[in-house]
N, C-alpha and C. Protein backbone atom coordinates (compact mmCIF):
# COMPACT_ATOMS: atom_id res chain seq x y z
N MET A 1 92.61 38.22 -108.50
CA MET A 1 91.71 39.29 -108.85
C MET A 1 92.49 40.47 -109.41
N VAL A 2 91.97 41.09 -110.42
CA VAL A 2 92.63 42.21 -111.08
C VAL A 2 92.33 43.49 -110.31
N SER A 3 93.38 44.22 -109.95
CA SER A 3 93.16 45.46 -109.22
C SER A 3 93.10 46.67 -110.16
N ASP A 4 93.94 46.69 -111.17
CA ASP A 4 93.96 47.81 -112.10
C ASP A 4 94.21 47.27 -113.51
N ILE A 5 93.21 47.33 -114.34
CA ILE A 5 93.27 46.75 -115.68
C ILE A 5 94.33 47.44 -116.53
N LEU A 6 94.38 48.77 -116.47
CA LEU A 6 95.35 49.51 -117.29
C LEU A 6 96.78 49.19 -116.87
N SER A 7 97.04 49.17 -115.59
CA SER A 7 98.38 48.88 -115.10
C SER A 7 98.82 47.47 -115.50
N ASN A 8 97.94 46.49 -115.34
CA ASN A 8 98.26 45.12 -115.72
C ASN A 8 98.52 45.00 -117.22
N ALA A 9 97.73 45.71 -118.02
CA ALA A 9 97.90 45.66 -119.48
C ALA A 9 99.24 46.25 -119.90
N LEU A 10 99.61 47.40 -119.34
CA LEU A 10 100.88 48.04 -119.72
C LEU A 10 102.08 47.21 -119.26
N ILE A 11 101.99 46.59 -118.10
CA ILE A 11 103.07 45.72 -117.64
C ILE A 11 103.18 44.50 -118.56
N ASN A 12 102.05 43.97 -118.99
CA ASN A 12 102.03 42.83 -119.91
C ASN A 12 102.70 43.20 -121.24
N ILE A 13 102.34 44.37 -121.78
CA ILE A 13 102.95 44.84 -123.03
C ILE A 13 104.45 45.03 -122.85
N TYR A 14 104.86 45.66 -121.76
CA TYR A 14 106.28 45.91 -121.50
C TYR A 14 107.06 44.60 -121.39
N ASN A 15 106.52 43.63 -120.67
CA ASN A 15 107.21 42.35 -120.51
C ASN A 15 107.34 41.60 -121.83
N HIS A 16 106.30 41.62 -122.65
CA HIS A 16 106.36 40.95 -123.95
C HIS A 16 107.34 41.66 -124.89
N GLU A 17 107.41 42.97 -124.81
CA GLU A 17 108.39 43.73 -125.61
C GLU A 17 109.80 43.37 -125.18
N ALA A 18 110.01 43.25 -123.87
CA ALA A 18 111.35 43.00 -123.34
C ALA A 18 111.90 41.64 -123.78
N ILE A 19 111.04 40.64 -123.93
CA ILE A 19 111.52 39.33 -124.35
C ILE A 19 111.42 39.12 -125.85
N GLY A 20 110.94 40.14 -126.57
CA GLY A 20 110.97 40.10 -128.03
C GLY A 20 109.80 39.41 -128.70
N ARG A 21 108.68 39.33 -128.05
CA ARG A 21 107.51 38.70 -128.67
C ARG A 21 106.90 39.62 -129.72
N GLU A 22 106.19 39.04 -130.66
CA GLU A 22 105.57 39.82 -131.73
C GLU A 22 104.17 40.28 -131.38
N ASN A 23 103.49 39.57 -130.47
CA ASN A 23 102.16 40.01 -130.04
C ASN A 23 101.91 39.52 -128.62
N CYS A 24 100.88 40.10 -128.00
CA CYS A 24 100.52 39.69 -126.65
C CYS A 24 99.01 39.72 -126.50
N LEU A 25 98.52 39.01 -125.52
CA LEU A 25 97.11 38.91 -125.23
C LEU A 25 96.84 39.61 -123.91
N ILE A 26 95.91 40.56 -123.91
CA ILE A 26 95.61 41.34 -122.72
C ILE A 26 94.17 41.07 -122.33
N TYR A 27 93.94 40.68 -121.09
CA TYR A 27 92.59 40.47 -120.60
C TYR A 27 92.54 40.84 -119.13
N PRO A 28 91.42 41.32 -118.63
CA PRO A 28 90.18 41.66 -119.31
C PRO A 28 90.31 42.98 -120.05
N ALA A 29 89.39 43.22 -120.95
CA ALA A 29 89.38 44.43 -121.77
C ALA A 29 88.49 45.49 -121.10
N SER A 30 88.72 46.74 -121.44
CA SER A 30 87.86 47.83 -120.97
C SER A 30 87.87 48.95 -122.01
N LYS A 31 86.91 49.85 -121.89
CA LYS A 31 86.83 50.97 -122.83
C LYS A 31 88.03 51.90 -122.67
N LEU A 32 88.46 52.14 -121.43
CA LEU A 32 89.62 53.00 -121.18
C LEU A 32 90.87 52.39 -121.78
N LEU A 33 91.05 51.09 -121.61
CA LEU A 33 92.20 50.41 -122.19
C LEU A 33 92.19 50.50 -123.71
N LYS A 34 91.03 50.38 -124.30
CA LYS A 34 90.90 50.49 -125.76
C LYS A 34 91.36 51.87 -126.24
N GLU A 35 90.96 52.91 -125.54
CA GLU A 35 91.36 54.27 -125.93
C GLU A 35 92.86 54.49 -125.73
N VAL A 36 93.43 53.94 -124.67
CA VAL A 36 94.88 54.07 -124.44
C VAL A 36 95.64 53.33 -125.55
N LEU A 37 95.16 52.16 -125.94
CA LEU A 37 95.80 51.42 -127.03
C LEU A 37 95.70 52.19 -128.34
N ARG A 38 94.59 52.88 -128.57
CA ARG A 38 94.46 53.71 -129.79
C ARG A 38 95.50 54.82 -129.81
N VAL A 39 95.72 55.46 -128.67
CA VAL A 39 96.72 56.53 -128.59
C VAL A 39 98.11 55.95 -128.84
N MET A 40 98.41 54.81 -128.25
CA MET A 40 99.71 54.17 -128.46
C MET A 40 99.90 53.78 -129.93
N GLN A 41 98.83 53.31 -130.56
CA GLN A 41 98.90 52.93 -131.98
C GLN A 41 99.10 54.16 -132.86
N ARG A 42 98.39 55.24 -132.55
CA ARG A 42 98.51 56.46 -133.33
C ARG A 42 99.92 57.03 -133.30
N HIS A 43 100.63 56.81 -132.20
CA HIS A 43 101.99 57.34 -132.06
C HIS A 43 103.07 56.33 -132.41
N GLY A 44 102.67 55.16 -132.90
CA GLY A 44 103.62 54.20 -133.43
C GLY A 44 104.30 53.29 -132.42
N TYR A 45 103.77 53.18 -131.23
CA TYR A 45 104.37 52.30 -130.22
C TYR A 45 103.91 50.86 -130.36
N ILE A 46 102.69 50.65 -130.84
CA ILE A 46 102.18 49.31 -131.08
C ILE A 46 101.59 49.25 -132.48
N GLY A 47 101.38 48.05 -132.98
CA GLY A 47 100.75 47.86 -134.28
C GLY A 47 99.23 47.75 -134.10
N GLU A 48 98.64 46.89 -134.90
CA GLU A 48 97.20 46.68 -134.84
C GLU A 48 96.82 45.94 -133.56
N PHE A 49 95.60 46.22 -133.08
CA PHE A 49 95.06 45.44 -131.97
C PHE A 49 93.62 45.06 -132.29
N VAL A 50 93.22 43.89 -131.81
CA VAL A 50 91.91 43.32 -132.13
C VAL A 50 91.22 42.96 -130.83
N TYR A 51 89.94 43.29 -130.74
CA TYR A 51 89.13 42.90 -129.59
C TYR A 51 88.56 41.50 -129.83
N ILE A 52 88.72 40.62 -128.87
CA ILE A 52 88.20 39.26 -128.95
C ILE A 52 87.16 39.09 -127.85
N ASP A 53 85.91 38.83 -128.22
CA ASP A 53 84.84 38.65 -127.25
C ASP A 53 84.78 37.19 -126.84
N ASP A 54 85.16 36.92 -125.58
CA ASP A 54 85.15 35.55 -125.09
C ASP A 54 84.01 35.29 -124.12
N GLY A 55 83.13 36.25 -123.91
CA GLY A 55 82.01 36.09 -123.01
C GLY A 55 82.34 36.32 -121.55
N ARG A 56 83.59 36.67 -121.25
CA ARG A 56 84.00 36.87 -119.86
C ARG A 56 84.64 38.23 -119.62
N GLY A 57 84.43 39.17 -120.46
CA GLY A 57 85.06 40.48 -120.29
C GLY A 57 85.88 40.89 -121.48
N GLY A 58 86.18 39.95 -122.35
CA GLY A 58 86.89 40.25 -123.58
C GLY A 58 88.39 40.28 -123.42
N LYS A 59 89.08 40.27 -124.56
CA LYS A 59 90.54 40.30 -124.62
C LYS A 59 90.96 41.20 -125.77
N PHE A 60 92.17 41.69 -125.69
CA PHE A 60 92.79 42.41 -126.80
C PHE A 60 94.01 41.62 -127.24
N LYS A 61 94.13 41.38 -128.54
CA LYS A 61 95.35 40.82 -129.09
C LYS A 61 96.10 41.98 -129.74
N VAL A 62 97.28 42.27 -129.23
CA VAL A 62 98.06 43.45 -129.64
C VAL A 62 99.32 43.00 -130.35
N SER A 63 99.56 43.54 -131.54
CA SER A 63 100.82 43.25 -132.24
C SER A 63 101.86 44.29 -131.81
N LEU A 64 103.03 43.81 -131.45
CA LEU A 64 104.09 44.66 -130.92
C LEU A 64 105.12 44.96 -132.00
N LEU A 65 105.66 46.15 -131.96
CA LEU A 65 106.62 46.59 -132.97
C LEU A 65 108.06 46.67 -132.44
N GLY A 66 108.25 46.49 -131.14
CA GLY A 66 109.60 46.57 -130.57
C GLY A 66 110.08 47.99 -130.37
N ARG A 67 109.19 48.94 -130.19
CA ARG A 67 109.57 50.35 -130.06
C ARG A 67 109.39 50.90 -128.65
N ILE A 68 108.98 50.08 -127.71
CA ILE A 68 108.73 50.56 -126.35
C ILE A 68 109.94 50.25 -125.48
N ASN A 69 110.50 51.30 -124.87
CA ASN A 69 111.58 51.12 -123.90
C ASN A 69 111.01 50.98 -122.49
N LYS A 70 109.96 51.74 -122.20
CA LYS A 70 109.32 51.69 -120.89
C LYS A 70 107.90 52.19 -121.02
N CYS A 71 106.97 51.51 -120.38
CA CYS A 71 105.60 52.00 -120.30
C CYS A 71 105.02 51.56 -118.98
N MET A 72 104.41 52.50 -118.28
CA MET A 72 103.83 52.20 -116.97
C MET A 72 102.62 53.08 -116.72
N ALA A 73 101.71 52.57 -115.92
CA ALA A 73 100.58 53.37 -115.48
C ALA A 73 101.05 54.27 -114.34
N ILE A 74 100.44 55.43 -114.23
CA ILE A 74 100.78 56.37 -113.17
C ILE A 74 99.73 56.21 -112.08
N ARG A 75 100.19 55.80 -110.90
CA ARG A 75 99.30 55.62 -109.76
C ARG A 75 99.84 56.40 -108.59
N PRO A 76 99.07 57.16 -107.86
CA PRO A 76 97.67 57.45 -108.09
C PRO A 76 97.49 58.36 -109.29
N ARG A 77 96.31 58.42 -109.80
CA ARG A 77 96.03 59.22 -110.99
C ARG A 77 95.87 60.69 -110.58
N PHE A 78 96.92 61.44 -110.83
CA PHE A 78 96.94 62.84 -110.44
C PHE A 78 96.13 63.68 -111.42
N TYR A 79 95.40 64.68 -110.89
CA TYR A 79 94.74 65.65 -111.75
C TYR A 79 95.76 66.72 -112.09
N VAL A 80 95.86 67.05 -113.38
CA VAL A 80 96.85 68.00 -113.85
C VAL A 80 96.17 69.12 -114.62
N LYS A 81 96.55 70.36 -114.32
CA LYS A 81 96.06 71.50 -115.09
C LYS A 81 96.97 71.69 -116.31
N VAL A 82 96.50 72.44 -117.27
CA VAL A 82 97.25 72.65 -118.51
C VAL A 82 98.61 73.28 -118.24
N LYS A 83 98.65 74.24 -117.34
CA LYS A 83 99.91 74.93 -117.07
C LYS A 83 100.94 74.04 -116.38
N ASP A 84 100.52 72.94 -115.76
CA ASP A 84 101.44 72.06 -115.05
C ASP A 84 101.90 70.85 -115.87
N LEU A 85 101.42 70.72 -117.10
CA LEU A 85 101.77 69.55 -117.92
C LEU A 85 103.27 69.44 -118.18
N VAL A 86 103.95 70.55 -118.37
CA VAL A 86 105.39 70.53 -118.65
C VAL A 86 106.15 69.94 -117.46
N GLU A 87 105.75 70.30 -116.25
CA GLU A 87 106.41 69.78 -115.06
C GLU A 87 106.25 68.26 -114.96
N TRP A 88 105.05 67.76 -115.27
CA TRP A 88 104.81 66.32 -115.20
C TRP A 88 105.54 65.58 -116.31
N GLU A 89 105.68 66.20 -117.47
CA GLU A 89 106.47 65.59 -118.54
C GLU A 89 107.93 65.46 -118.11
N GLN A 90 108.45 66.49 -117.46
CA GLN A 90 109.84 66.44 -116.98
C GLN A 90 110.02 65.38 -115.90
N LYS A 91 108.97 65.14 -115.13
CA LYS A 91 109.06 64.16 -114.05
C LYS A 91 109.07 62.73 -114.57
N TYR A 92 108.25 62.43 -115.58
CA TYR A 92 108.08 61.05 -116.03
C TYR A 92 108.83 60.69 -117.31
N LEU A 93 109.13 61.65 -118.17
CA LEU A 93 109.78 61.34 -119.44
C LEU A 93 111.27 61.66 -119.36
N PRO A 94 112.12 60.87 -120.04
CA PRO A 94 113.57 61.04 -119.91
C PRO A 94 114.13 62.29 -120.57
N ALA A 95 113.50 62.79 -121.63
CA ALA A 95 114.01 63.97 -122.33
C ALA A 95 112.87 64.66 -123.07
N ASN A 96 113.12 65.89 -123.51
CA ASN A 96 112.12 66.60 -124.31
C ASN A 96 111.87 65.86 -125.61
N ASP A 97 110.64 65.84 -126.04
CA ASP A 97 110.23 65.20 -127.30
C ASP A 97 110.60 63.72 -127.36
N MET A 98 110.71 63.08 -126.21
CA MET A 98 110.95 61.64 -126.17
C MET A 98 109.86 61.01 -125.31
N GLY A 99 108.95 60.33 -125.94
CA GLY A 99 107.87 59.68 -125.22
C GLY A 99 106.63 60.54 -125.11
N ILE A 100 105.58 59.94 -124.53
CA ILE A 100 104.31 60.64 -124.37
C ILE A 100 103.73 60.36 -122.98
N LEU A 101 103.00 61.34 -122.48
CA LEU A 101 102.16 61.17 -121.31
C LEU A 101 100.74 61.01 -121.82
N ILE A 102 100.02 60.03 -121.30
CA ILE A 102 98.63 59.82 -121.71
C ILE A 102 97.75 60.26 -120.56
N LEU A 103 96.75 61.08 -120.87
CA LEU A 103 95.81 61.51 -119.85
C LEU A 103 94.38 61.45 -120.37
N THR A 104 93.46 61.36 -119.44
CA THR A 104 92.06 61.37 -119.80
C THR A 104 91.50 62.74 -119.45
N THR A 105 90.80 63.33 -120.39
CA THR A 105 90.26 64.67 -120.25
C THR A 105 88.76 64.63 -120.53
N PRO A 106 88.07 65.73 -120.30
CA PRO A 106 86.66 65.77 -120.68
C PRO A 106 86.44 65.61 -122.18
N LYS A 107 87.48 65.82 -122.97
CA LYS A 107 87.38 65.67 -124.42
C LYS A 107 87.93 64.34 -124.91
N GLY A 108 88.19 63.38 -124.01
CA GLY A 108 88.65 62.06 -124.39
C GLY A 108 90.08 61.78 -123.94
N VAL A 109 90.55 60.58 -124.26
CA VAL A 109 91.91 60.17 -123.92
C VAL A 109 92.86 60.71 -124.97
N MET A 110 93.93 61.39 -124.52
CA MET A 110 94.88 62.02 -125.45
C MET A 110 96.23 62.16 -124.79
N THR A 111 97.21 62.59 -125.58
CA THR A 111 98.54 62.84 -125.05
C THR A 111 98.59 64.23 -124.44
N SER A 112 99.67 64.49 -123.73
CA SER A 112 99.81 65.80 -123.09
C SER A 112 99.97 66.91 -124.13
N LYS A 113 100.60 66.61 -125.27
CA LYS A 113 100.76 67.62 -126.32
C LYS A 113 99.42 68.01 -126.92
N GLU A 114 98.56 67.02 -127.15
CA GLU A 114 97.22 67.31 -127.67
C GLU A 114 96.40 68.09 -126.65
N ALA A 115 96.57 67.76 -125.36
CA ALA A 115 95.85 68.47 -124.31
C ALA A 115 96.28 69.93 -124.22
N LYS A 116 97.58 70.18 -124.43
CA LYS A 116 98.07 71.57 -124.42
C LYS A 116 97.45 72.36 -125.57
N LYS A 117 97.39 71.73 -126.77
CA LYS A 117 96.81 72.42 -127.92
C LYS A 117 95.34 72.74 -127.71
N LYS A 118 94.60 71.82 -127.08
CA LYS A 118 93.17 72.02 -126.85
C LYS A 118 92.89 72.83 -125.59
N GLY A 119 93.91 73.01 -124.75
CA GLY A 119 93.76 73.81 -123.55
C GLY A 119 92.94 73.12 -122.46
N VAL A 120 93.10 71.81 -122.31
CA VAL A 120 92.35 71.08 -121.27
C VAL A 120 93.33 70.32 -120.38
N GLY A 121 92.93 70.14 -119.14
CA GLY A 121 93.68 69.32 -118.20
C GLY A 121 92.94 68.01 -117.99
N GLY A 122 93.47 67.18 -117.13
CA GLY A 122 92.80 65.91 -116.87
C GLY A 122 93.60 65.04 -115.91
N LEU A 123 93.26 63.76 -115.88
CA LEU A 123 93.92 62.80 -115.01
C LEU A 123 95.03 62.08 -115.77
N LEU A 124 96.21 62.00 -115.15
CA LEU A 124 97.33 61.28 -115.74
C LEU A 124 97.04 59.79 -115.68
N LEU A 125 97.23 59.09 -116.80
CA LEU A 125 97.02 57.66 -116.86
C LEU A 125 98.31 56.88 -116.96
N ALA A 126 99.18 57.26 -117.92
CA ALA A 126 100.38 56.45 -118.20
C ALA A 126 101.44 57.28 -118.89
N PHE A 127 102.66 56.73 -118.91
CA PHE A 127 103.72 57.31 -119.72
C PHE A 127 104.36 56.20 -120.54
N ILE A 128 104.84 56.57 -121.74
CA ILE A 128 105.46 55.62 -122.66
C ILE A 128 106.63 56.30 -123.33
N TYR A 129 107.75 55.62 -123.41
CA TYR A 129 108.88 56.10 -124.21
C TYR A 129 109.67 54.93 -124.73
C-alpha cells in the first residue's frame, strides 16, 4: 500500500536518475504530483511528462535529463511563513542559488523564490538540487 504518493514518486525519479535511465514510470498519479512535476519541468530538472490513464489511478511517464543530484519529499510537511523561507532553504539546500524548495501555497504549488516574490507562505513539500 502506498503511504505517500509524492515521496514515492521523488524516490523513484532519484533512483532512475542514479542508474542513468532516460525515463521512468510513476504510479499512482495525483493532482499534487502533477503540479510538482510541472515545477520541476519549468526549472529544467526533468523533461516532458505524460499522464497515462490506466483505469486504476493513472501513471506518469517522465523523461529524465540527468540533472538531479538529490530530490526528496519533506516529511512532516512544515508550515513556513515568508520570513522563514531563507532559514529552510539553508537547512535543505547545499548552497545559495543551488536547487529549489517546492511548497504548496494558497496561490498554488511554487518554489520558495516565487513564494517570496508573491509574499505568501505555505507547506513545504520537497527539495531538489
